[in-house]
Amino acid sequence: MIPSMTPSPLPSATGPKMPYELLAEKSSTAGAKQNTTESEPMKEAFSDFVGQTLFGSMLSTMRESTGKAAYFDGGRAEEVFQQQLDQKLVEEISDASAESFVDPMFDLFQLQRRG
């Protein structure tokens, strides 16, 4: 009787790692002694800055690219509340994309700052 063998996944089954992932792993093992609570406020400020800069400019450019409606223009009040809505949208978008977009940028920022 032939013993059944369970196939083991190949090491590359998860796909190749990005350079920032490799650097983050290296820095996490080297910087495990450092207190991570010190970098939390900086990470939040970095996330806010990146979100407001990137997504804010993208959203304002999108708003400028469309013209005002002929019949449903709200005037100055609409502009004021549109800016508030855009600010809230930017915060939500940056929070939603933090894991995939801002975190790798912050890791690279930390590596550049250390080295």
PDB file of N, CA and C in Angstrom:
ATOM      1  N   MET A   1       0.829  -1.174   0.000  1.00  0.00           N
ATOM      2  CA  MET A   1       0.000   0.000   0.000  1.00  0.00           C
ATOM      3  C   MET A   1       0.883   1.251   0.000  1.00  0.00           C
ATOM      4  N   ILE A   2       0.541   2.217  -0.798  1.00  0.00           N
ATOM      5  CA  ILE A   2       1.316   3.451  -0.913  1.00  0.00           C
ATOM      6  C   ILE A   2       0.786   4.461   0.108  1.00  0.00           C
ATOM      7  N   PRO A   3       1.663   5.006   0.938  1.00  0.00           N
ATOM      8  CA  PRO A   3       1.187   5.996   1.916  1.00  0.00           C
ATOM      9  C   PRO A   3       0.761   7.281   1.203  1.00  0.00           C
ATOM     10  N   SER A   4      -0.313   7.854   1.688  1.00  0.00           N
ATOM     11  CA  SER A   4      -0.792   9.091   1.064  1.00  0.00           C
ATOM     12  C   SER A   4       0.046  10.266   1.557  1.00  0.00           C
ATOM     13  N   MET A   5       0.346  11.125   0.639  1.00  0.00           N
ATOM     14  CA  MET A   5       1.150  12.300   0.975  1.00  0.00           C
ATOM     15  C   MET A   5       0.292  13.538   0.772  1.00  0.00           C
ATOM     16  N   THR A   6       0.301  14.374   1.741  1.00  0.00           N
ATOM     17  CA  THR A   6      -0.427  15.632   1.581  1.00  0.00           C
ATOM     18  C   THR A   6       0.501  16.629   0.914  1.00  0.00           C
ATOM     19  N   PRO A   7       0.014  17.254  -0.125  1.00  0.00           N
ATOM     20  CA  PRO A   7       0.883  18.207  -0.821  1.00  0.00           C
ATOM     21  C   PRO A   7       1.134  19.435   0.054  1.00  0.00           C
ATOM     22  N   SER A   8       2.371  19.821   0.133  1.00  0.00           N
ATOM     23  CA  SER A   8       2.706  21.032   0.891  1.00  0.00           C
ATOM     24  C   SER A   8       2.849  22.186  -0.095  1.00  0.00           C
ATOM     25  N   PRO A   9       2.383  23.359   0.304  1.00  0.00           N
ATOM     26  CA  PRO A   9       2.479  24.492  -0.617  1.00  0.00           C
ATOM     27  C   PRO A   9       3.931  24.902  -0.831  1.00  0.00           C
ATOM     28  N   LEU A  10       4.198  25.371  -2.001  1.00  0.00           N
ATOM     29  CA  LEU A  10       5.533  25.844  -2.312  1.00  0.00           C
ATOM     30  C   LEU A  10       5.793  27.144  -1.560  1.00  0.00           C
ATOM     31  N   PRO A  11       7.023  27.438  -1.241  1.00  0.00           N
ATOM     32  CA  PRO A  11       7.302  28.687  -0.527  1.00  0.00           C
ATOM     33  C   PRO A  11       6.897  29.919  -1.325  1.00  0.00           C
ATOM     34  N   SER A  12       6.924  29.818  -2.640  1.00  0.00           N
ATOM     35  CA  SER A  12       6.567  30.975  -3.454  1.00  0.00           C
ATOM     36  C   SER A  12       5.082  31.005  -3.786  1.00  0.00           C
ATOM     37  N   ALA A  13       4.273  30.158  -3.135  1.00  0.00           N
ATOM     38  CA  ALA A  13       2.840  30.124  -3.427  1.00  0.00           C
ATOM     39  C   ALA A  13       2.154  31.416  -3.013  1.00  0.00           C
ATOM     40  N   THR A  14       2.721  32.110  -2.055  1.00  0.00           N
ATOM     41  CA  THR A  14       2.119  33.370  -1.633  1.00  0.00           C
ATOM     42  C   THR A  14       2.498  34.509  -2.562  1.00  0.00           C
ATOM     43  N   GLY A  15       3.388  34.287  -3.455  1.00  0.00           N
ATOM     44  CA  GLY A  15       3.806  35.311  -4.395  1.00  0.00           C
ATOM     45  C   GLY A  15       5.064  36.005  -3.910  1.00  0.00           C
ATOM     46  N   PRO A  16       5.710  36.704  -4.804  1.00  0.00           N
ATOM     47  CA  PRO A  16       6.935  37.397  -4.407  1.00  0.00           C
ATOM     48  C   PRO A  16       6.621  38.566  -3.483  1.00  0.00           C
ATOM     49  N   LYS A  17       7.552  38.870  -2.629  1.00  0.00           N
ATOM     50  CA  LYS A  17       7.364  39.982  -1.702  1.00  0.00           C
ATOM     51  C   LYS A  17       7.884  41.263  -2.341  1.00  0.00           C
ATOM     52  N   MET A  18       7.208  42.337  -2.024  1.00  0.00           N
ATOM     53  CA  MET A  18       7.609  43.641  -2.518  1.00  0.00           C
ATOM     54  C   MET A  18       8.823  44.113  -1.717  1.00  0.00           C
ATOM     55  N   PRO A  19       9.626  45.017  -2.291  1.00  0.00           N
ATOM     56  CA  PRO A  19      10.812  45.490  -1.565  1.00  0.00           C
ATOM     57  C   PRO A  19      10.480  46.129  -0.227  1.00  0.00           C
ATOM     58  N   TYR A  20       9.382  46.869  -0.155  1.00  0.00           N
ATOM     59  CA  TYR A  20       9.048  47.504   1.115  1.00  0.00           C
ATOM     60  C   TYR A  20       8.647  46.468   2.165  1.00  0.00           C
ATOM     61  N   GLU A  21       8.092  45.311   1.729  1.00  0.00           N
ATOM     62  CA  GLU A  21       7.763  44.257   2.683  1.00  0.00           C
ATOM     63  C   GLU A  21       9.032  43.624   3.252  1.00  0.00           C
ATOM     64  N   LEU A  22      10.009  43.411   2.381  1.00  0.00           N
ATOM     65  CA  LEU A  22      11.273  42.847   2.845  1.00  0.00           C
ATOM     66  C   LEU A  22      11.979  43.803   3.799  1.00  0.00           C
ATOM     67  N   LEU A  23      11.966  45.094   3.459  1.00  0.00           N
ATOM     68  CA  LEU A  23      12.597  46.080   4.334  1.00  0.00           C
ATOM     69  C   LEU A  23      11.860  46.198   5.656  1.00  0.00           C
ATOM     70  N   ALA A  24      10.531  46.100   5.609  1.00  0.00           N
ATOM     71  CA  ALA A  24       9.748  46.190   6.838  1.00  0.00           C
ATOM     72  C   ALA A  24      10.029  44.996   7.744  1.00  0.00           C
ATOM     73  N   GLU A  25      10.162  43.807   7.157  1.00  0.00           N
ATOM     74  CA  GLU A  25      10.496  42.629   7.960  1.00  0.00           C
ATOM     75  C   GLU A  25      11.876  42.774   8.587  1.00  0.00           C
ATOM     76  N   LYS A  26      12.813  43.285   7.799  1.00  0.00           N
ATOM     77  CA  LYS A  26      14.166  43.470   8.307  1.00  0.00           C
ATOM     78  C   LYS A  26      14.176  44.489   9.438  1.00  0.00           C
ATOM     79  N   SER A  27      13.458  45.578   9.255  1.00  0.00           N
ATOM     80  CA  SER A  27      13.449  46.613  10.289  1.00  0.00           C
ATOM     81  C   SER A  27      12.656  46.177  11.509  1.00  0.00           C
ATOM     82  N   SER A  28      11.634  45.335  11.313  1.00  0.00           N
ATOM     83  CA  SER A  28      10.857  44.893  12.470  1.00  0.00           C
ATOM     84  C   SER A  28      11.666  43.944  13.341  1.00  0.00           C
ATOM     85  N   THR A  29      12.517  43.132  12.732  1.00  0.00           N
ATOM     86  CA  THR A  29      13.359  42.261  13.547  1.00  0.00           C
ATOM     87  C   THR A  29      14.486  43.051  14.189  1.00  0.00           C
ATOM     88  N   ALA A  30      15.024  44.029  13.478  1.00  0.00           N
ATOM     89  CA  ALA A  30      16.109  44.830  14.035  1.00  0.00           C
ATOM     90  C   ALA A  30      15.588  45.846  15.040  1.00  0.00           C
ATOM     91  N   GLY A  31      14.396  46.366  14.787  1.00  0.00           N
ATOM     92  CA  GLY A  31      13.859  47.396  15.658  1.00  0.00           C
ATOM     93  C   GLY A  31      12.853  46.884  16.654  1.00  0.00           C
ATOM     94  N   ALA A  32      12.881  45.592  16.948  1.00  0.00           N
ATOM     95  CA  ALA A  32      11.929  45.033  17.908  1.00  0.00           C
ATOM     96  C   ALA A  32      12.174  45.576  19.304  1.00  0.00           C
ATOM     97  N   LYS A  33      13.384  46.039  19.555  1.00  0.00           N
ATOM     98  CA  LYS A  33      13.712  46.572  20.871  1.00  0.00           C
ATOM     99  C   LYS A  33      13.112  47.955  21.084  1.00  0.00           C
ATOM    100  N   GLN A  34      12.844  48.670  19.983  1.00  0.00           N
ATOM    101  CA  GLN A  34      12.320  50.027  20.102  1.00  0.00           C
ATOM    102  C   GLN A  34      10.859  49.985  20.502  1.00  0.00           C
ATOM    103  N   ASN A  35      10.433  51.021  21.163  1.00  0.00           N
ATOM    104  CA  ASN A  35       9.049  51.113  21.618  1.00  0.00           C
ATOM    105  C   ASN A  35       8.170  51.546  20.452  1.00  0.00           C
ATOM    106  N   THR A  36       7.174  50.745  20.127  1.00  0.00           N
ATOM    107  CA  THR A  36       6.307  51.064  18.999  1.00  0.00           C
ATOM    108  C   THR A  36       5.277  52.120  19.340  1.00  0.00           C
ATOM    109  N   THR A  37       5.051  52.373  20.621  1.00  0.00           N
ATOM    110  CA  THR A  37       4.062  53.388  20.981  1.00  0.00           C
ATOM    111  C   THR A  37       4.549  54.784  20.642  1.00  0.00           C
ATOM    112  N   GLU A  38       5.865  54.970  20.513  1.00  0.00           N
ATOM    113  CA  GLU A  38       6.393  56.273  20.128  1.00  0.00           C
ATOM    114  C   GLU A  38       6.059  56.604  18.687  1.00  0.00           C
ATOM    115  N   SER A  39       5.975  55.601  17.830  1.00  0.00           N
ATOM    116  CA  SER A  39       5.734  55.858  16.416  1.00  0.00           C
ATOM    117  C   SER A  39       4.255  55.944  16.070  1.00  0.00           C
ATOM    118  N   GLU A  40       3.365  55.597  16.990  1.00  0.00           N
ATOM    119  CA  GLU A  40       1.931  55.636  16.691  1.00  0.00           C
ATOM    120  C   GLU A  40       1.424  57.046  16.374  1.00  0.00           C
ATOM    121  N   PRO A  41       1.748  58.065  17.179  1.00  0.00           N
ATOM    122  CA  PRO A  41       1.290  59.413  16.808  1.00  0.00           C
ATOM    123  C   PRO A  41       1.878  59.878  15.481  1.00  0.00           C
ATOM    124  N   MET A  42       3.135  59.509  15.232  1.00  0.00           N
ATOM    125  CA  MET A  42       3.755  59.896  13.974  1.00  0.00           C
ATOM    126  C   MET A  42       3.082  59.187  12.807  1.00  0.00           C
ATOM    127  N   LYS A  43       2.728  57.928  13.014  1.00  0.00           N
ATOM    128  CA  LYS A  43       2.063  57.173  11.951  1.00  0.00           C
ATOM    129  C   LYS A  43       0.692  57.764  11.644  1.00  0.00           C
ATOM    130  N   GLU A  44      -0.023  58.179  12.675  1.00  0.00           N
ATOM    131  CA  GLU A  44      -1.332  58.788  12.460  1.00  0.00           C
ATOM    132  C   GLU A  44      -1.198  60.125  11.742  1.00  0.00           C
ATOM    133  N   ALA A  45      -0.218  60.929  12.132  1.00  0.00           N
ATOM    134  CA  ALA A  45       0.013  62.209  11.459  1.00  0.00           C
ATOM    135  C   ALA A  45       0.437  61.983  10.013  1.00  0.00           C
ATOM    136  N   PHE A  46       1.274  60.974   9.789  1.00  0.00           N
ATOM    137  CA  PHE A  46       1.705  60.643   8.436  1.00  0.00           C
ATOM    138  C   PHE A  46       0.513  60.212   7.591  1.00  0.00           C
ATOM    139  N   SER A  47      -0.353  59.400   8.166  1.00  0.00           N
ATOM    140  CA  SER A  47      -1.545  58.933   7.461  1.00  0.00           C
ATOM    141  C   SER A  47      -2.462  60.097   7.104  1.00  0.00           C
ATOM    142  N   ASP A  48      -2.654  61.011   8.050  1.00  0.00           N
ATOM    143  CA  ASP A  48      -3.487  62.182   7.777  1.00  0.00           C
ATOM    144  C   ASP A  48      -2.887  63.042   6.676  1.00  0.00           C
ATOM    145  N   PHE A  49      -1.581  63.255   6.738  1.00  0.00           N
ATOM    146  CA  PHE A  49      -0.915  64.086   5.741  1.00  0.00           C
ATOM    147  C   PHE A  49      -1.016  63.479   4.350  1.00  0.00           C
ATOM    148  N   VAL A  50      -0.708  62.189   4.245  1.00  0.00           N
ATOM    149  CA  VAL A  50      -0.767  61.523   2.940  1.00  0.00           C
ATOM    150  C   VAL A  50      -2.194  61.523   2.406  1.00  0.00           C
ATOM    151  N   GLY A  51      -3.149  61.231   3.277  1.00  0.00           N
ATOM    152  CA  GLY A  51      -4.540  61.208   2.841  1.00  0.00           C
ATOM    153  C   GLY A  51      -5.022  62.562   2.374  1.00  0.00           C
ATOM    154  N   GLN A  52      -4.713  63.604   3.139  1.00  0.00           N
ATOM    155  CA  GLN A  52      -5.161  64.938   2.762  1.00  0.00           C
ATOM    156  C   GLN A  52      -4.441  65.436   1.524  1.00  0.00           C
ATOM    157  N   THR A  53      -3.174  65.115   1.398  1.00  0.00           N
ATOM    158  CA  THR A  53      -2.418  65.590   0.250  1.00  0.00           C
ATOM    159  C   THR A  53      -2.839  64.873  -1.026  1.00  0.00           C
ATOM    160  N   LEU A  54      -2.796  63.574  -0.998  1.00  0.00           N
ATOM    161  CA  LEU A  54      -3.082  62.806  -2.211  1.00  0.00           C
ATOM    162  C   LEU A  54      -4.566  62.805  -2.554  1.00  0.00           C
ATOM    163  N   PHE A  55      -5.374  62.310  -1.622  1.00  0.00           N
ATOM    164  CA  PHE A  55      -6.794  62.167  -1.916  1.00  0.00           C
ATOM    165  C   PHE A  55      -7.502  63.515  -1.968  1.00  0.00           C
ATOM    166  N   GLY A  56      -7.040  64.478  -1.168  1.00  0.00           N
ATOM    167  CA  GLY A  56      -7.642  65.811  -1.201  1.00  0.00           C
ATOM    168  C   GLY A  56      -7.424  66.495  -2.533  1.00  0.00           C
ATOM    169  N   SER A  57      -6.199  66.435  -3.039  1.00  0.00           N
ATOM    170  CA  SER A  57      -5.932  67.055  -4.336  1.00  0.00           C
ATOM    171  C   SER A  57      -6.637  66.301  -5.457  1.00  0.00           C
ATOM    172  N   MET A  58      -6.713  64.983  -5.344  1.00  0.00           N
ATOM    173  CA  MET A  58      -7.415  64.203  -6.358  1.00  0.00           C
ATOM    174  C   MET A  58      -8.897  64.554  -6.390  1.00  0.00           C
ATOM    175  N   LEU A  59      -9.516  64.658  -5.217  1.00  0.00           N
ATOM    176  CA  LEU A  59     -10.937  64.969  -5.147  1.00  0.00           C
ATOM    177  C   LEU A  59     -11.226  66.393  -5.612  1.00  0.00           C
ATOM    178  N   SER A  60     -10.362  67.348  -5.247  1.00  0.00           N
ATOM    179  CA  SER A  60     -10.593  68.727  -5.689  1.00  0.00           C
ATOM    180  C   SER A  60     -10.422  68.851  -7.199  1.00  0.00           C
ATOM    181  N   THR A  61      -9.476  68.114  -7.768  1.00  0.00           N
ATOM    182  CA  THR A  61      -9.305  68.118  -9.221  1.00  0.00           C
ATOM    183  C   THR A  61     -10.513  67.500  -9.909  1.00  0.00           C
ATOM    184  N   MET A  62     -11.060  66.456  -9.321  1.00  0.00           N
ATOM    185  CA  MET A  62     -12.265  65.848  -9.889  1.00  0.00           C
ATOM    186  C   MET A  62     -13.432  66.821  -9.852  1.00  0.00           C
ATOM    187  N   ARG A  63     -13.569  67.569  -8.755  1.00  0.00           N
ATOM    188  CA  ARG A  63     -14.665  68.542  -8.642  1.00  0.00           C
ATOM    189  C   ARG A  63     -14.507  69.670  -9.656  1.00  0.00           C
ATOM    190  N   GLU A  64     -13.265  70.109  -9.889  1.00  0.00           N
ATOM    191  CA  GLU A  64     -13.029  71.192 -10.838  1.00  0.00           C
ATOM    192  C   GLU A  64     -13.259  70.758 -12.279  1.00  0.00           C
ATOM    193  N   SER A  65     -13.095  69.477 -12.548  1.00  0.00           N
ATOM    194  CA  SER A  65     -13.222  69.001 -13.924  1.00  0.00           C
ATOM    195  C   SER A  65     -14.669  68.966 -14.406  1.00  0.00           C
ATOM    196  N   THR A  66     -15.603  68.952 -13.478  1.00  0.00           N
ATOM    197  CA  THR A  66     -17.008  68.979 -13.875  1.00  0.00           C
ATOM    198  C   THR A  66     -17.529  70.397 -13.752  1.00  0.00           C
ATOM    199  N   GLY A  67     -18.349  70.789 -14.686  1.00  0.00           N
ATOM    200  CA  GLY A  67     -18.920  72.133 -14.656  1.00  0.00           C
ATOM    201  C   GLY A  67     -20.112  72.203 -13.718  1.00  0.00           C
ATOM    202  N   LYS A  68     -20.543  73.425 -13.458  1.00  0.00           N
ATOM    203  CA  LYS A  68     -21.715  73.611 -12.605  1.00  0.00           C
ATOM    204  C   LYS A  68     -22.972  73.268 -13.394  1.00  0.00           C
ATOM    205  N   ALA A  69     -23.924  72.719 -12.685  1.00  0.00           N
ATOM    206  CA  ALA A  69     -25.194  72.361 -13.321  1.00  0.00           C
ATOM    207  C   ALA A  69     -25.967  73.632 -13.665  1.00  0.00           C
ATOM    208  N   ALA A  70     -26.707  73.579 -14.744  1.00  0.00           N
ATOM    209  CA  ALA A  70     -27.437  74.763 -15.188  1.00  0.00           C
ATOM    210  C   ALA A  70     -28.601  75.096 -14.261  1.00  0.00           C
ATOM    211  N   TYR A  71     -29.284  74.099 -13.741  1.00  0.00           N
ATOM    212  CA  TYR A  71     -30.497  74.359 -12.971  1.00  0.00           C
ATOM    213  C   TYR A  71     -30.366  74.017 -11.491  1.00  0.00           C
ATOM    214  N   PHE A  72     -29.420  73.208 -11.133  1.00  0.00           N
ATOM    215  CA  PHE A  72     -29.341  72.740  -9.754  1.00  0.00           C
ATOM    216  C   PHE A  72     -28.087  73.232  -9.041  1.00  0.00           C
ATOM    217  N   ASP A  73     -27.629  74.412  -9.352  1.00  0.00           N
ATOM    218  CA  ASP A  73     -26.464  74.964  -8.691  1.00  0.00           C
ATOM    219  C   ASP A  73     -26.895  75.562  -7.364  1.00  0.00           C
ATOM    220  N   GLY A  74     -26.206  75.186  -6.283  1.00  0.00           N
ATOM    221  CA  GLY A  74     -26.591  75.639  -4.947  1.00  0.00           C
ATOM    222  C   GLY A  74     -25.922  76.924  -4.515  1.00  0.00           C
ATOM    223  N   GLY A  75     -25.080  77.494  -5.357  1.00  0.00           N
ATOM    224  CA  GLY A  75     -24.431  78.746  -5.017  1.00  0.00           C
ATOM    225  C   GLY A  75     -23.325  78.582  -3.991  1.00  0.00           C
ATOM    226  N   ARG A  76     -23.125  79.632  -3.201  1.00  0.00           N
ATOM    227  CA  ARG A  76     -22.043  79.658  -2.219  1.00  0.00           C
ATOM    228  C   ARG A  76     -22.233  78.608  -1.120  1.00  0.00           C
ATOM    229  N   ALA A  77     -23.469  78.401  -0.691  1.00  0.00           N
ATOM    230  CA  ALA A  77     -23.733  77.418   0.368  1.00  0.00           C
ATOM    231  C   ALA A  77     -23.319  76.016  -0.081  1.00  0.00           C
ATOM    232  N   GLU A  78     -23.579  75.698  -1.316  1.00  0.00           N
ATOM    233  CA  GLU A  78     -23.177  74.384  -1.820  1.00  0.00           C
ATOM    234  C   GLU A  78     -21.658  74.255  -1.836  1.00  0.00           C
ATOM    235  N   GLU A  79     -20.963  75.320  -2.192  1.00  0.00           N
ATOM    236  CA  GLU A  79     -19.501  75.274  -2.209  1.00  0.00           C
ATOM    237  C   GLU A  79     -18.939  75.031  -0.811  1.00  0.00           C
ATOM    238  N   VAL A  80     -19.519  75.698   0.197  1.00  0.00           N
ATOM    239  CA  VAL A  80     -19.044  75.538   1.572  1.00  0.00           C
ATOM    240  C   VAL A  80     -19.274  74.116   2.052  1.00  0.00           C
ATOM    241  N   PHE A  81     -20.475  73.619   1.858  1.00  0.00           N
ATOM    242  CA  PHE A  81     -20.774  72.271   2.333  1.00  0.00           C
ATOM    243  C   PHE A  81     -20.090  71.206   1.484  1.00  0.00           C
ATOM    244  N   GLN A  82     -19.822  71.520   0.224  1.00  0.00           N
ATOM    245  CA  GLN A  82     -19.088  70.586  -0.632  1.00  0.00           C
ATOM    246  C   GLN A  82     -17.669  70.406  -0.104  1.00  0.00           C
ATOM    247  N   GLN A  83     -17.059  71.491   0.360  1.00  0.00           N
ATOM    248  CA  GLN A  83     -15.716  71.393   0.932  1.00  0.00           C
ATOM    249  C   GLN A  83     -15.715  70.548   2.198  1.00  0.00           C
ATOM    250  N   GLN A  84     -16.747  70.699   3.021  1.00  0.00           N
ATOM    251  CA  GLN A  84     -16.839  69.887   4.236  1.00  0.00           C
ATOM    252  C   GLN A  84     -17.048  68.415   3.894  1.00  0.00           C
ATOM    253  N   LEU A  85     -17.901  68.156   2.901  1.00  0.00           N
ATOM    254  CA  LEU A  85     -18.124  66.777   2.464  1.00  0.00           C
ATOM    255  C   LEU A  85     -16.842  66.182   1.898  1.00  0.00           C
ATOM    256  N   ASP A  86     -16.131  66.963   1.102  1.00  0.00           N
ATOM    257  CA  ASP A  86     -14.873  66.481   0.537  1.00  0.00           C
ATOM    258  C   ASP A  86     -13.861  66.159   1.631  1.00  0.00           C
ATOM    259  N   GLN A  87     -13.801  66.991   2.662  1.00  0.00           N
ATOM    260  CA  GLN A  87     -12.881  66.737   3.769  1.00  0.00           C
ATOM    261  C   GLN A  87     -13.232  65.425   4.475  1.00  0.00           C
ATOM    262  N   LYS A  88     -14.510  65.200   4.690  1.00  0.00           N
ATOM    263  CA  LYS A  88     -14.955  63.954   5.334  1.00  0.00           C
ATOM    264  C   LYS A  88     -14.657  62.748   4.433  1.00  0.00           C
ATOM    265  N   LEU A  89     -14.889  62.899   3.133  1.00  0.00           N
ATOM    266  CA  LEU A  89     -14.590  61.816   2.195  1.00  0.00           C
ATOM    267  C   LEU A  89     -13.102  61.488   2.185  1.00  0.00           C
ATOM    268  N   VAL A  90     -12.268  62.514   2.214  1.00  0.00           N
ATOM    269  CA  VAL A  90     -10.820  62.303   2.228  1.00  0.00           C
ATOM    270  C   VAL A  90     -10.409  61.528   3.475  1.00  0.00           C
ATOM    271  N   GLU A  91     -10.974  61.881   4.622  1.00  0.00           N
ATOM    272  CA  GLU A  91     -10.659  61.155   5.855  1.00  0.00           C
ATOM    273  C   GLU A  91     -11.077  59.693   5.755  1.00  0.00           C
ATOM    274  N   GLU A  92     -12.278  59.445   5.231  1.00  0.00           N
ATOM    275  CA  GLU A  92     -12.768  58.070   5.115  1.00  0.00           C
ATOM    276  C   GLU A  92     -11.940  57.264   4.117  1.00  0.00           C
ATOM    277  N   ILE A  93     -11.586  57.872   2.992  1.00  0.00           N
ATOM    278  CA  ILE A  93     -10.799  57.169   1.979  1.00  0.00           C
ATOM    279  C   ILE A  93      -9.414  56.843   2.516  1.00  0.00           C
ATOM    280  N   SER A  94      -8.799  57.801   3.197  1.00  0.00           N
ATOM    281  CA  SER A  94      -7.453  57.539   3.715  1.00  0.00           C
ATOM    282  C   SER A  94      -7.474  56.489   4.820  1.00  0.00           C
ATOM    283  N   ASP A  95      -8.521  56.464   5.641  1.00  0.00           N
ATOM    284  CA  ASP A  95      -8.633  55.417   6.664  1.00  0.00           C
ATOM    285  C   ASP A  95      -8.846  54.050   6.025  1.00  0.00           C
ATOM    286  N   ALA A  96      -9.652  54.006   4.971  1.00  0.00           N
ATOM    287  CA  ALA A  96      -9.945  52.730   4.313  1.00  0.00           C
ATOM    288  C   ALA A  96      -8.732  52.182   3.570  1.00  0.00           C
ATOM    289  N   SER A  97      -7.897  53.061   3.048  1.00  0.00           N
ATOM    290  CA  SER A  97      -6.758  52.599   2.256  1.00  0.00           C
ATOM    291  C   SER A  97      -5.457  52.594   3.042  1.00  0.00           C
ATOM    292  N   ALA A  98      -5.529  52.822   4.332  1.00  0.00           N
ATOM    293  CA  ALA A  98      -4.302  52.925   5.129  1.00  0.00           C
ATOM    294  C   ALA A  98      -3.475  51.653   5.078  1.00  0.00           C
ATOM    295  N   GLU A  99      -4.128  50.515   5.154  1.00  0.00           N
ATOM    296  CA  GLU A  99      -3.390  49.253   5.195  1.00  0.00           C
ATOM    297  C   GLU A  99      -2.636  48.997   3.898  1.00  0.00           C
ATOM    298  N   SER A 100      -3.250  49.286   2.771  1.00  0.00           N
ATOM    299  CA  SER A 100      -2.620  48.947   1.503  1.00  0.00           C
ATOM    300  C   SER A 100      -1.794  50.072   0.911  1.00  0.00           C
ATOM    301  N   PHE A 101      -2.019  51.289   1.355  1.00  0.00           N
ATOM    302  CA  PHE A 101      -1.354  52.414   0.702  1.00  0.00           C
ATOM    303  C   PHE A 101      -0.436  53.178   1.648  1.00  0.00           C
ATOM    304  N   VAL A 102      -0.950  53.583   2.778  1.00  0.00           N
ATOM    305  CA  VAL A 102      -0.195  54.451   3.676  1.00  0.00           C
ATOM    306  C   VAL A 102       0.827  53.666   4.496  1.00  0.00           C
ATOM    307  N   ASP A 103       0.473  52.468   4.943  1.00  0.00           N
ATOM    308  CA  ASP A 103       1.395  51.688   5.775  1.00  0.00           C
ATOM    309  C   ASP A 103       2.727  51.392   5.078  1.00  0.00           C
ATOM    310  N   PRO A 104       2.726  50.942   3.811  1.00  0.00           N
ATOM    311  CA  PRO A 104       4.021  50.740   3.149  1.00  0.00           C
ATOM    312  C   PRO A 104       4.817  52.035   3.003  1.00  0.00           C
ATOM    313  N   MET A 105       4.120  53.144   2.736  1.00  0.00           N
ATOM    314  CA  MET A 105       4.823  54.421   2.633  1.00  0.00           C
ATOM    315  C   MET A 105       5.428  54.813   3.981  1.00  0.00           C
ATOM    316  N   PHE A 106       4.695  54.561   5.058  1.00  0.00           N
ATOM    317  CA  PHE A 106       5.211  54.890   6.388  1.00  0.00           C
ATOM    318  C   PHE A 106       6.411  54.019   6.737  1.00  0.00           C
ATOM    319  N   ASP A 107       6.366  52.748   6.361  1.00  0.00           N
ATOM    320  CA  ASP A 107       7.506  51.864   6.617  1.00  0.00           C
ATOM    321  C   ASP A 107       8.753  52.361   5.888  1.00  0.00           C
ATOM    322  N   LEU A 108       8.584  52.772   4.631  1.00  0.00           N
ATOM    323  CA  LEU A 108       9.719  53.308   3.886  1.00  0.00           C
ATOM    324  C   LEU A 108      10.214  54.611   4.502  1.00  0.00           C
ATOM    325  N   PHE A 109       9.292  55.432   4.962  1.00  0.00           N
ATOM    326  CA  PHE A 109       9.657  56.683   5.630  1.00  0.00           C
ATOM    327  C   PHE A 109      10.474  56.403   6.886  1.00  0.00           C
ATOM    328  N   GLN A 110      10.046  55.422   7.668  1.00  0.00           N
ATOM    329  CA  GLN A 110      10.766  55.065   8.890  1.00  0.00           C
ATOM    330  C   GLN A 110      12.165  54.535   8.565  1.00  0.00           C
ATOM    331  N   LEU A 111      12.268  53.718   7.522  1.00  0.00           N
ATOM    332  CA  LEU A 111      13.575  53.182   7.141  1.00  0.00           C
ATOM    333  C   LEU A 111      14.510  54.290   6.682  1.00  0.00           C
ATOM    334  N   GLN A 112      13.976  55.224   5.916  1.00  0.00           N
ATOM    335  CA  GLN A 112      14.786  56.334   5.431  1.00  0.00           C
ATOM    336  C   GLN A 112      15.213  57.227   6.597  1.00  0.00           C
ATOM    337  N   ARG A 113      14.342  57.379   7.546  1.00  0.00           N
ATOM    338  CA  ARG A 113      14.620  58.222   8.702  1.00  0.00           C
ATOM    339  C   ARG A 113      15.701  57.606   9.596  1.00  0.00           C
ATOM    340  N   ARG A 114      15.688  56.287   9.717  1.00  0.00           N
ATOM    341  CA  ARG A 114      16.678  55.596  10.550  1.00  0.00           C
ATOM    342  C   ARG A 114      18.047  55.548   9.887  1.00  0.00           C
ATOM    343  N   GLY A 115      18.028  55.313   8.567  1.00  0.00           N
ATOM    344  CA  GLY A 115      19.287  55.084   7.861  1.00  0.00           C
ATOM    345  C   GLY A 115      19.814  56.285   7.282  1.00  0.00           C
TER     346      GLY A 115
END
